[in-house]
Amino acid sequence: MGWSYNGLWKLLIDKKMKKTDLLTIAGLNPKTLARLGKDETVSMDALGKICESLECQIEDIVKYVPENKEP
């Protein structure tokens, strides 16, 4: 199972924000930001903080990317 946070990075660009700004306004741990950067799983709590801080919905920042399964 995979995740993509490309929507989050695009939203930050649209809002003229840096990743470090996101750490500050959402109160995230730097390790969480690193996990987001690697498209790894993060807690729903962290995603909720991001959505609240950026005034967006979860589908604006994260997308499920199914793994390719070979027959």
PDB file of N, CA and C in Angstrom:
ATOM      1  N   MET A   1       0.851  -1.168   0.000  1.00  0.00           N
ATOM      2  CA  MET A   1       0.000   0.000   0.000  1.00  0.00           C
ATOM      3  C   MET A   1       0.896   1.229   0.000  1.00  0.00           C
ATOM      4  N   GLY A   2       0.566   2.208  -0.802  1.00  0.00           N
ATOM      5  CA  GLY A   2       1.390   3.399  -0.901  1.00  0.00           C
ATOM      6  C   GLY A   2       0.586   4.683  -0.785  1.00  0.00           C
ATOM      7  N   TRP A   3       1.264   5.736  -0.475  1.00  0.00           N
ATOM      8  CA  TRP A   3       0.636   7.040  -0.304  1.00  0.00           C
ATOM      9  C   TRP A   3       1.430   8.093  -1.051  1.00  0.00           C
ATOM     10  N   SER A   4       0.747   9.113  -1.506  1.00  0.00           N
ATOM     11  CA  SER A   4       1.397  10.236  -2.165  1.00  0.00           C
ATOM     12  C   SER A   4       0.924  11.518  -1.493  1.00  0.00           C
ATOM     13  N   TYR A   5       1.866  12.362  -1.137  1.00  0.00           N
ATOM     14  CA  TYR A   5       1.544  13.651  -0.523  1.00  0.00           C
ATOM     15  C   TYR A   5       1.813  14.802  -1.491  1.00  0.00           C
ATOM     16  N   ASN A   6       1.799  14.515  -2.785  1.00  0.00           N
ATOM     17  CA  ASN A   6       2.049  15.557  -3.783  1.00  0.00           C
ATOM     18  C   ASN A   6       1.051  16.705  -3.661  1.00  0.00           C
ATOM     19  N   GLY A   7      -0.173  16.392  -3.288  1.00  0.00           N
ATOM     20  CA  GLY A   7      -1.182  17.435  -3.095  1.00  0.00           C
ATOM     21  C   GLY A   7      -0.766  18.416  -2.007  1.00  0.00           C
ATOM     22  N   LEU A   8      -0.143  17.913  -0.963  1.00  0.00           N
ATOM     23  CA  LEU A   8       0.333  18.770   0.123  1.00  0.00           C
ATOM     24  C   LEU A   8       1.411  19.718  -0.378  1.00  0.00           C
ATOM     25  N   TRP A   9       2.360  19.179  -1.124  1.00  0.00           N
ATOM     26  CA  TRP A   9       3.458  20.024  -1.613  1.00  0.00           C
ATOM     27  C   TRP A   9       2.943  21.082  -2.583  1.00  0.00           C
ATOM     28  N   LYS A  10       1.975  20.719  -3.420  1.00  0.00           N
ATOM     29  CA  LYS A  10       1.382  21.695  -4.346  1.00  0.00           C
ATOM     30  C   LYS A  10       0.636  22.773  -3.577  1.00  0.00           C
ATOM     31  N   LEU A  11      -0.071  22.358  -2.530  1.00  0.00           N
ATOM     32  CA  LEU A  11      -0.812  23.326  -1.714  1.00  0.00           C
ATOM     33  C   LEU A  11       0.144  24.300  -1.036  1.00  0.00           C
ATOM     34  N   LEU A  12       1.258  23.800  -0.536  1.00  0.00           N
ATOM     35  CA  LEU A  12       2.244  24.690   0.079  1.00  0.00           C
ATOM     36  C   LEU A  12       2.783  25.698  -0.936  1.00  0.00           C
ATOM     37  N   ILE A  13       3.037  25.241  -2.149  1.00  0.00           N
ATOM     38  CA  ILE A  13       3.515  26.146  -3.202  1.00  0.00           C
ATOM     39  C   ILE A  13       2.467  27.209  -3.491  1.00  0.00           C
ATOM     40  N   ASP A  14       1.217  26.792  -3.614  1.00  0.00           N
ATOM     41  CA  ASP A  14       0.131  27.741  -3.887  1.00  0.00           C
ATOM     42  C   ASP A  14       0.004  28.793  -2.785  1.00  0.00           C
ATOM     43  N   LYS A  15       0.275  28.387  -1.555  1.00  0.00           N
ATOM     44  CA  LYS A  15       0.171  29.305  -0.419  1.00  0.00           C
ATOM     45  C   LYS A  15       1.494  30.022  -0.140  1.00  0.00           C
ATOM     46  N   LYS A  16       2.481  29.798  -1.017  1.00  0.00           N
ATOM     47  CA  LYS A  16       3.805  30.415  -0.882  1.00  0.00           C
ATOM     48  C   LYS A  16       4.412  30.122   0.499  1.00  0.00           C
ATOM     49  N   MET A  17       4.339  28.846   0.868  1.00  0.00           N
ATOM     50  CA  MET A  17       4.864  28.412   2.159  1.00  0.00           C
ATOM     51  C   MET A  17       5.992  27.406   1.955  1.00  0.00           C
ATOM     52  N   LYS A  18       6.857  27.320   2.943  1.00  0.00           N
ATOM     53  CA  LYS A  18       7.934  26.336   2.943  1.00  0.00           C
ATOM     54  C   LYS A  18       7.552  25.198   3.884  1.00  0.00           C
ATOM     55  N   LYS A  19       8.255  24.091   3.760  1.00  0.00           N
ATOM     56  CA  LYS A  19       7.994  22.955   4.639  1.00  0.00           C
ATOM     57  C   LYS A  19       8.229  23.338   6.093  1.00  0.00           C
ATOM     58  N   THR A  20       9.209  24.188   6.338  1.00  0.00           N
ATOM     59  CA  THR A  20       9.470  24.609   7.711  1.00  0.00           C
ATOM     60  C   THR A  20       8.315  25.443   8.268  1.00  0.00           C
ATOM     61  N   ASP A  21       7.631  26.184   7.396  1.00  0.00           N
ATOM     62  CA  ASP A  21       6.445  26.930   7.823  1.00  0.00           C
ATOM     63  C   ASP A  21       5.360  25.961   8.287  1.00  0.00           C
ATOM     64  N   LEU A  22       5.226  24.859   7.558  1.00  0.00           N
ATOM     65  CA  LEU A  22       4.234  23.849   7.919  1.00  0.00           C
ATOM     66  C   LEU A  22       4.537  23.265   9.300  1.00  0.00           C
ATOM     67  N   LEU A  23       5.809  23.010   9.580  1.00  0.00           N
ATOM     68  CA  LEU A  23       6.194  22.507  10.903  1.00  0.00           C
ATOM     69  C   LEU A  23       5.697  23.440  11.999  1.00  0.00           C
ATOM     70  N   THR A  24       5.898  24.719  11.789  1.00  0.00           N
ATOM     71  CA  THR A  24       5.547  25.714  12.797  1.00  0.00           C
ATOM     72  C   THR A  24       4.036  25.849  12.972  1.00  0.00           C
ATOM     73  N   ILE A  25       3.309  26.056  11.873  1.00  0.00           N
ATOM     74  CA  ILE A  25       1.876  26.330  12.018  1.00  0.00           C
ATOM     75  C   ILE A  25       1.068  25.099  12.409  1.00  0.00           C
ATOM     76  N   ALA A  26       1.520  23.924  12.012  1.00  0.00           N
ATOM     77  CA  ALA A  26       0.781  22.703  12.336  1.00  0.00           C
ATOM     78  C   ALA A  26       1.304  22.031  13.607  1.00  0.00           C
ATOM     79  N   GLY A  27       2.449  22.488  14.104  1.00  0.00           N
ATOM     80  CA  GLY A  27       3.018  21.894  15.301  1.00  0.00           C
ATOM     81  C   GLY A  27       3.465  20.456  15.086  1.00  0.00           C
ATOM     82  N   LEU A  28       4.039  20.205  13.909  1.00  0.00           N
ATOM     83  CA  LEU A  28       4.481  18.850  13.577  1.00  0.00           C
ATOM     84  C   LEU A  28       5.890  18.583  14.078  1.00  0.00           C
ATOM     85  N   ASN A  29       6.180  17.324  14.254  1.00  0.00           N
ATOM     86  CA  ASN A  29       7.511  16.848  14.597  1.00  0.00           C
ATOM     87  C   ASN A  29       8.326  16.783  13.300  1.00  0.00           C
ATOM     88  N   PRO A  30       9.590  17.169  13.321  1.00  0.00           N
ATOM     89  CA  PRO A  30      10.406  17.071  12.108  1.00  0.00           C
ATOM     90  C   PRO A  30      10.445  15.657  11.516  1.00  0.00           C
ATOM     91  N   LYS A  31      10.340  14.640  12.358  1.00  0.00           N
ATOM     92  CA  LYS A  31      10.318  13.262  11.856  1.00  0.00           C
ATOM     93  C   LYS A  31       9.067  13.017  11.009  1.00  0.00           C
ATOM     94  N   THR A  32       7.970  13.632  11.386  1.00  0.00           N
ATOM     95  CA  THR A  32       6.737  13.491  10.607  1.00  0.00           C
ATOM     96  C   THR A  32       6.922  14.121   9.237  1.00  0.00           C
ATOM     97  N   LEU A  33       7.543  15.279   9.195  1.00  0.00           N
ATOM     98  CA  LEU A  33       7.799  15.944   7.914  1.00  0.00           C
ATOM     99  C   LEU A  33       8.699  15.081   7.038  1.00  0.00           C
ATOM    100  N   ALA A  34       9.685  14.439   7.649  1.00  0.00           N
ATOM    101  CA  ALA A  34      10.576  13.554   6.897  1.00  0.00           C
ATOM    102  C   ALA A  34       9.793  12.375   6.321  1.00  0.00           C
ATOM    103  N   ARG A  35       8.876  11.819   7.091  1.00  0.00           N
ATOM    104  CA  ARG A  35       8.055  10.694   6.611  1.00  0.00           C
ATOM    105  C   ARG A  35       7.154  11.139   5.458  1.00  0.00           C
ATOM    106  N   LEU A  36       6.611  12.339   5.560  1.00  0.00           N
ATOM    107  CA  LEU A  36       5.792  12.871   4.469  1.00  0.00           C
ATOM    108  C   LEU A  36       6.621  13.009   3.197  1.00  0.00           C
ATOM    109  N   GLY A  37       7.852  13.482   3.356  1.00  0.00           N
ATOM    110  CA  GLY A  37       8.740  13.665   2.219  1.00  0.00           C
ATOM    111  C   GLY A  37       9.106  12.365   1.520  1.00  0.00           C
ATOM    112  N   LYS A  38       9.016  11.255   2.263  1.00  0.00           N
ATOM    113  CA  LYS A  38       9.326   9.935   1.700  1.00  0.00           C
ATOM    114  C   LYS A  38       8.073   9.164   1.318  1.00  0.00           C
ATOM    115  N   ASP A  39       6.923   9.831   1.340  1.00  0.00           N
ATOM    116  CA  ASP A  39       5.627   9.198   1.043  1.00  0.00           C
ATOM    117  C   ASP A  39       5.373   7.982   1.933  1.00  0.00           C
ATOM    118  N   GLU A  40       5.743   8.104   3.198  1.00  0.00           N
ATOM    119  CA  GLU A  40       5.499   7.047   4.169  1.00  0.00           C
ATOM    120  C   GLU A  40       4.243   7.374   4.969  1.00  0.00           C
ATOM    121  N   THR A  41       3.737   6.393   5.693  1.00  0.00           N
ATOM    122  CA  THR A  41       2.533   6.620   6.481  1.00  0.00           C
ATOM    123  C   THR A  41       2.817   7.552   7.652  1.00  0.00           C
ATOM    124  N   VAL A  42       1.823   8.370   7.969  1.00  0.00           N
ATOM    125  CA  VAL A  42       1.862   9.241   9.145  1.00  0.00           C
ATOM    126  C   VAL A  42       0.522   9.084   9.864  1.00  0.00           C
ATOM    127  N   SER A  43       0.461   9.554  11.072  1.00  0.00           N
ATOM    128  CA  SER A  43      -0.755   9.394  11.862  1.00  0.00           C
ATOM    129  C   SER A  43      -1.888  10.284  11.341  1.00  0.00           C
ATOM    130  N   MET A  44      -3.096   9.837  11.627  1.00  0.00           N
ATOM    131  CA  MET A  44      -4.268  10.643  11.274  1.00  0.00           C
ATOM    132  C   MET A  44      -4.241  11.956  12.049  1.00  0.00           C
ATOM    133  N   ASP A  45      -3.684  11.930  13.247  1.00  0.00           N
ATOM    134  CA  ASP A  45      -3.563  13.138  14.053  1.00  0.00           C
ATOM    135  C   ASP A  45      -2.712  14.180  13.317  1.00  0.00           C
ATOM    136  N   ALA A  46      -1.603  13.736  12.748  1.00  0.00           N
ATOM    137  CA  ALA A  46      -0.731  14.651  11.999  1.00  0.00           C
ATOM    138  C   ALA A  46      -1.447  15.195  10.773  1.00  0.00           C
ATOM    139  N   LEU A  47      -2.153  14.331  10.057  1.00  0.00           N
ATOM    140  CA  LEU A  47      -2.893  14.789   8.875  1.00  0.00           C
ATOM    141  C   LEU A  47      -3.990  15.769   9.278  1.00  0.00           C
ATOM    142  N   GLY A  48      -4.622  15.509  10.408  1.00  0.00           N
ATOM    143  CA  GLY A  48      -5.650  16.426  10.907  1.00  0.00           C
ATOM    144  C   GLY A  48      -5.087  17.797  11.237  1.00  0.00           C
ATOM    145  N   LYS A  49      -3.911  17.828  11.862  1.00  0.00           N
ATOM    146  CA  LYS A  49      -3.256  19.104  12.185  1.00  0.00           C
ATOM    147  C   LYS A  49      -2.933  19.881  10.914  1.00  0.00           C
ATOM    148  N   ILE A  50      -2.478  19.166   9.883  1.00  0.00           N
ATOM    149  CA  ILE A  50      -2.148  19.817   8.613  1.00  0.00           C
ATOM    150  C   ILE A  50      -3.415  20.402   7.988  1.00  0.00           C
ATOM    151  N   CYS A  51      -4.472  19.595   7.947  1.00  0.00           N
ATOM    152  CA  CYS A  51      -5.726  20.068   7.349  1.00  0.00           C
ATOM    153  C   CYS A  51      -6.274  21.286   8.083  1.00  0.00           C
ATOM    154  N   GLU A  52      -6.221  21.246   9.409  1.00  0.00           N
ATOM    155  CA  GLU A  52      -6.717  22.378  10.195  1.00  0.00           C
ATOM    156  C   GLU A  52      -5.880  23.626   9.934  1.00  0.00           C
ATOM    157  N   SER A  53      -4.570  23.457   9.895  1.00  0.00           N
ATOM    158  CA  SER A  53      -3.665  24.592   9.700  1.00  0.00           C
ATOM    159  C   SER A  53      -3.776  25.204   8.313  1.00  0.00           C
ATOM    160  N   LEU A  54      -3.955  24.354   7.306  1.00  0.00           N
ATOM    161  CA  LEU A  54      -4.009  24.842   5.923  1.00  0.00           C
ATOM    162  C   LEU A  54      -5.442  25.074   5.442  1.00  0.00           C
ATOM    163  N   GLU A  55      -6.417  24.797   6.329  1.00  0.00           N
ATOM    164  CA  GLU A  55      -7.836  24.955   6.004  1.00  0.00           C
ATOM    165  C   GLU A  55      -8.180  24.200   4.729  1.00  0.00           C
ATOM    166  N   CYS A  56      -7.909  22.891   4.762  1.00  0.00           N
ATOM    167  CA  CYS A  56      -8.171  22.046   3.607  1.00  0.00           C
ATOM    168  C   CYS A  56      -8.760  20.718   4.062  1.00  0.00           C
ATOM    169  N   GLN A  57      -9.110  19.885   3.125  1.00  0.00           N
ATOM    170  CA  GLN A  57      -9.618  18.553   3.402  1.00  0.00           C
ATOM    171  C   GLN A  57      -8.499  17.542   3.176  1.00  0.00           C
ATOM    172  N   ILE A  58      -8.644  16.384   3.792  1.00  0.00           N
ATOM    173  CA  ILE A  58      -7.593  15.367   3.706  1.00  0.00           C
ATOM    174  C   ILE A  58      -7.327  14.953   2.256  1.00  0.00           C
ATOM    175  N   GLU A  59      -8.374  14.910   1.438  1.00  0.00           N
ATOM    176  CA  GLU A  59      -8.175  14.511   0.039  1.00  0.00           C
ATOM    177  C   GLU A  59      -7.387  15.554  -0.758  1.00  0.00           C
ATOM    178  N   ASP A  60      -7.220  16.749  -0.194  1.00  0.00           N
ATOM    179  CA  ASP A  60      -6.407  17.778  -0.842  1.00  0.00           C
ATOM    180  C   ASP A  60      -4.913  17.521  -0.653  1.00  0.00           C
ATOM    181  N   ILE A  61      -4.560  16.727   0.359  1.00  0.00           N
ATOM    182  CA  ILE A  61      -3.140  16.575   0.681  1.00  0.00           C
ATOM    183  C   ILE A  61      -2.593  15.170   0.531  1.00  0.00           C
ATOM    184  N   VAL A  62      -3.447  14.151   0.559  1.00  0.00           N
ATOM    185  CA  VAL A  62      -2.950  12.777   0.495  1.00  0.00           C
ATOM    186  C   VAL A  62      -3.778  11.962  -0.493  1.00  0.00           C
ATOM    187  N   LYS A  63      -3.090  11.074  -1.179  1.00  0.00           N
ATOM    188  CA  LYS A  63      -3.754  10.201  -2.166  1.00  0.00           C
ATOM    189  C   LYS A  63      -3.236   8.774  -1.975  1.00  0.00           C
ATOM    190  N   TYR A  64      -4.155   7.834  -2.033  1.00  0.00           N
ATOM    191  CA  TYR A  64      -3.783   6.419  -1.958  1.00  0.00           C
ATOM    192  C   TYR A  64      -3.295   5.983  -3.331  1.00  0.00           C
ATOM    193  N   VAL A  65      -2.151   5.331  -3.371  1.00  0.00           N
ATOM    194  CA  VAL A  65      -1.579   4.817  -4.613  1.00  0.00           C
ATOM    195  C   VAL A  65      -1.416   3.311  -4.469  1.00  0.00           C
ATOM    196  N   PRO A  66      -2.285   2.538  -5.132  1.00  0.00           N
ATOM    197  CA  PRO A  66      -2.176   1.084  -4.998  1.00  0.00           C
ATOM    198  C   PRO A  66      -0.873   0.572  -5.599  1.00  0.00           C
ATOM    199  N   GLU A  67      -0.340  -0.453  -4.957  1.00  0.00           N
ATOM    200  CA  GLU A  67       0.876  -1.068  -5.485  1.00  0.00           C
ATOM    201  C   GLU A  67       0.504  -1.914  -6.699  1.00  0.00           C
ATOM    202  N   ASN A  68       1.402  -1.969  -7.638  1.00  0.00           N
ATOM    203  CA  ASN A  68       1.173  -2.830  -8.818  1.00  0.00           C
ATOM    204  C   ASN A  68       1.318  -4.277  -8.391  1.00  0.00           C
ATOM    205  N   LYS A  69       0.281  -5.013  -8.598  1.00  0.00           N
ATOM    206  CA  LYS A  69       0.329  -6.436  -8.253  1.00  0.00           C
ATOM    207  C   LYS A  69       0.457  -7.254  -9.519  1.00  0.00           C
ATOM    208  N   GLU A  70       1.454  -8.119  -9.522  1.00  0.00           N
ATOM    209  CA  GLU A  70       1.650  -8.969 -10.684  1.00  0.00           C
ATOM    210  C   GLU A  70       0.761 -10.198 -10.553  1.00  0.00           C
ATOM    211  N   PRO A  71       0.193 -10.673 -11.674  1.00  0.00           N
ATOM    212  CA  PRO A  71      -0.698 -11.837 -11.608  1.00  0.00           C
ATOM    213  C   PRO A  71      -0.001 -13.101 -11.173  1.00  0.00           C
TER     214      PRO A  71
END
